[in-house]
Amino acid sequence: MVDARALLLGEVRAGKALQLATLGPDGAPVVCNLWFASSFEPDRLFFISRPSRAHCENLRRDPRVAGAVLAIQLDDPGSTAARGVQFTGNAAELPTTGIDEQIGVYAGRWPATANAIDPGRMERGETHHRVYQIDVTDWVLYDEANFGKDPRQSVPVYGNGAGGPF
């Protein structure tokens, strides 16, 4: 039997960028593309961004987000081996101190960003970027190769309660 959660984790770990939808001031969805990192149990996604960007302003007003990760290369729209991951969750800008673990997850995946989110520089207010965390509340794996008759598979979320980002 195919393990949908194992497939989902593999897709998320292989993905380089995510498409993130936030809610604009008028309630309309706004989509952006972001580099990201992930950790599991609890299921979380991390990205860095400038706080003045529209998606950051939107999530400060309303933390609800949705998004997608696509880790395969698509060459033909008729391909039947499509696989992707969608999620919903709650996002928050993390404080500039006390987040060494989250910084480690992101900078560990993207070492070139280490200076942009260096803990000492963040604490001194010397960085333009902040670290953001998405607590995933729902996962969906779409996998035509392993679940041909029912490719849309809900996958359990581990470790995230109804609380905030910590």
Protein backbone atom coordinates (compact mmCIF):
# COMPACT_ATOMS: atom_id res chain seq x y z
CA MET A 1 0.00 0.00 0.00
CA VAL A 2 1.26 3.47 -0.90
CA ASP A 3 1.91 5.83 2.04
CA ALA A 4 0.37 9.19 1.07
CA ARG A 5 2.11 11.05 3.91
CA ALA A 6 5.55 9.74 2.88
CA LEU A 7 4.88 10.83 -0.71
CA LEU A 8 3.70 14.25 0.48
CA LEU A 9 6.80 14.77 2.65
CA GLY A 10 9.00 13.82 -0.28
CA GLU A 11 7.25 16.31 -2.55
CA VAL A 12 7.48 19.14 -0.02
CA ARG A 13 11.15 18.42 0.66
CA ALA A 14 11.92 18.33 -3.08
CA GLY A 15 10.00 21.54 -3.85
CA LYS A 16 12.00 24.71 -4.22
CA ALA A 17 9.30 27.37 -4.20
CA LEU A 18 5.75 27.63 -3.01
CA GLN A 19 2.84 29.64 -4.24
CA LEU A 20 1.26 31.38 -1.28
CA ALA A 21 -2.20 32.92 -1.28
CA THR A 22 -3.02 35.56 1.31
CA LEU A 23 -6.16 37.66 1.68
CA GLY A 24 -5.92 41.28 0.55
CA PRO A 25 -7.58 44.23 2.31
CA ASP A 26 -10.76 43.70 0.29
CA GLY A 27 -10.82 39.94 1.03
CA ALA A 28 -9.65 38.97 -2.46
CA PRO A 29 -6.91 36.34 -2.69
CA VAL A 30 -3.41 37.52 -3.59
CA VAL A 31 -0.79 35.01 -4.76
CA CYS A 32 2.99 35.25 -4.58
CA ASN A 33 5.89 32.87 -5.16
CA LEU A 34 8.42 32.30 -2.38
CA TRP A 35 11.48 30.18 -1.65
CA PHE A 36 10.70 28.04 1.39
CA ALA A 37 11.94 25.48 3.86
CA SER A 38 9.98 22.89 5.83
CA SER A 39 9.96 20.97 9.07
CA PHE A 40 7.62 18.23 10.16
CA GLU A 41 5.96 17.02 13.35
CA PRO A 42 4.89 19.75 13.78
CA ASP A 43 4.20 20.45 10.11
CA ARG A 44 5.55 23.91 9.31
CA LEU A 45 6.75 25.89 6.33
CA PHE A 46 9.11 28.85 6.58
CA PHE A 47 9.89 31.71 4.25
CA ILE A 48 11.73 35.00 4.51
CA SER A 49 10.48 38.28 3.14
CA ARG A 50 10.51 42.01 3.70
CA PRO A 51 7.70 43.03 6.09
CA SER A 52 6.54 45.72 3.66
CA ARG A 53 5.60 43.22 0.92
CA ALA A 54 1.88 42.86 0.23
CA HIS A 55 1.74 39.22 1.33
CA CYS A 56 3.35 40.12 4.67
CA GLU A 57 0.98 43.02 5.25
CA ASN A 58 -1.93 40.73 4.33
CA LEU A 59 -1.01 37.98 6.78
CA ARG A 60 -0.58 40.48 9.62
CA ARG A 61 -4.20 41.47 9.03
CA ASP A 62 -5.47 37.92 8.46
CA PRO A 63 -3.15 34.95 9.11
CA ARG A 64 -5.12 32.48 6.99
CA VAL A 65 -3.15 31.27 3.98
CA ALA A 66 -3.32 28.61 1.30
CA GLY A 67 -0.68 27.46 -1.09
CA ALA A 68 0.85 24.87 -3.33
CA VAL A 69 4.18 23.15 -3.80
CA LEU A 70 5.04 21.53 -7.13
CA ALA A 71 8.22 19.50 -7.17
CA ILE A 72 8.09 17.76 -10.56
CA GLN A 73 9.07 19.13 -13.94
CA LEU A 74 6.09 19.39 -16.26
CA ASP A 75 6.71 19.04 -19.98
CA ASP A 76 3.30 18.13 -21.34
CA PRO A 77 -0.17 19.14 -20.09
CA GLY A 78 -1.39 15.67 -21.14
CA SER A 79 0.98 13.94 -18.75
CA THR A 80 -0.80 11.55 -16.39
CA ALA A 81 1.93 11.49 -13.77
CA ALA A 82 1.03 14.83 -12.20
CA ARG A 83 1.81 15.20 -8.51
CA GLY A 84 1.56 18.23 -6.28
CA VAL A 85 0.84 19.37 -2.75
CA GLN A 86 -1.66 21.94 -1.56
CA PHE A 87 -2.02 23.23 1.97
CA THR A 88 -3.93 25.62 4.17
CA GLY A 89 -2.67 27.12 7.38
CA ASN A 90 -1.98 30.14 9.51
CA ALA A 91 1.07 32.31 8.97
CA ALA A 92 2.89 34.72 11.25
CA GLU A 93 5.94 36.94 11.22
CA LEU A 94 8.27 35.57 13.86
CA PRO A 95 10.01 37.84 16.38
CA THR A 96 13.58 38.87 15.65
CA THR A 97 14.96 37.01 18.68
CA GLY A 98 14.53 33.53 20.09
CA ILE A 99 14.05 31.89 16.69
CA ASP A 100 17.43 30.22 16.18
CA GLU A 101 15.77 26.87 15.36
CA GLN A 102 13.55 28.37 12.66
CA ILE A 103 16.47 30.36 11.21
CA GLY A 104 18.49 27.14 11.19
CA VAL A 105 15.82 25.32 9.20
CA TYR A 106 15.62 28.05 6.56
CA ALA A 107 19.34 28.91 6.34
CA GLY A 108 20.17 25.20 6.42
CA ARG A 109 18.22 24.74 3.21
CA TRP A 110 19.28 28.04 1.64
CA PRO A 111 22.79 28.83 3.00
CA ALA A 112 23.13 31.93 0.78
CA THR A 113 20.41 33.58 2.91
CA ALA A 114 22.23 33.17 6.22
CA ASN A 115 23.42 36.80 6.36
CA ALA A 116 19.93 38.12 5.56
CA ILE A 117 18.51 36.41 8.66
CA ASP A 118 21.57 36.22 10.90
CA PRO A 119 20.24 36.14 14.50
CA GLY A 120 22.64 38.83 15.78
CA ARG A 121 21.91 41.17 12.88
CA MET A 122 18.16 40.59 13.26
CA GLU A 123 18.33 41.40 16.98
CA ARG A 124 20.18 44.64 16.21
CA GLY A 125 17.66 45.61 13.49
CA GLU A 126 20.28 45.38 10.74
CA THR A 127 18.35 43.09 8.38
CA HIS A 128 15.65 43.90 5.87
CA HIS A 129 14.10 40.45 6.01
CA ARG A 130 12.04 38.67 8.63
CA VAL A 131 11.30 34.98 9.08
CA TYR A 132 7.70 33.81 8.62
CA GLN A 133 6.19 30.55 9.74
CA ILE A 134 3.16 28.75 8.37
CA ASP A 135 1.52 26.27 10.70
CA VAL A 136 -0.09 23.86 8.26
CA THR A 137 -3.68 22.94 9.17
CA ASP A 138 -4.54 20.80 6.12
CA TRP A 139 -2.51 18.94 3.48
CA VAL A 140 -3.73 17.58 0.17
CA LEU A 141 -1.57 15.37 -2.03
CA TYR A 142 -2.60 15.22 -5.66
CA ASP A 143 -0.93 12.16 -7.20
CA GLU A 144 -2.18 10.62 -10.44
CA ALA A 145 0.62 8.04 -10.59
CA ASN A 146 -0.12 6.35 -7.25
CA PHE A 147 -3.81 7.16 -6.80
CA GLY A 148 -5.10 7.12 -10.39
CA LYS A 149 -8.82 6.69 -9.65
CA ASP A 150 -8.80 9.13 -6.72
CA PRO A 151 -5.69 11.33 -7.08
CA ARG A 152 -6.77 13.89 -4.46
CA GLN A 153 -5.67 12.52 -1.07
CA SER A 154 -6.18 14.31 2.24
CA VAL A 155 -3.09 13.73 4.38
CA PRO A 156 -3.04 14.10 8.17
CA VAL A 157 -1.24 17.06 9.71
CA TYR A 158 1.05 16.31 12.64
CA GLY A 159 1.72 18.46 15.65
CA ASN A 160 -0.09 21.74 14.96
CA GLY A 161 -2.85 22.71 17.31
CA ALA A 162 -5.12 25.72 17.15
CA GLY A 163 -2.53 27.92 18.84
CA GLY A 164 -0.04 30.39 17.40
CA PRO A 165 3.27 29.81 15.71
CA PHE A 166 5.15 28.50 18.74
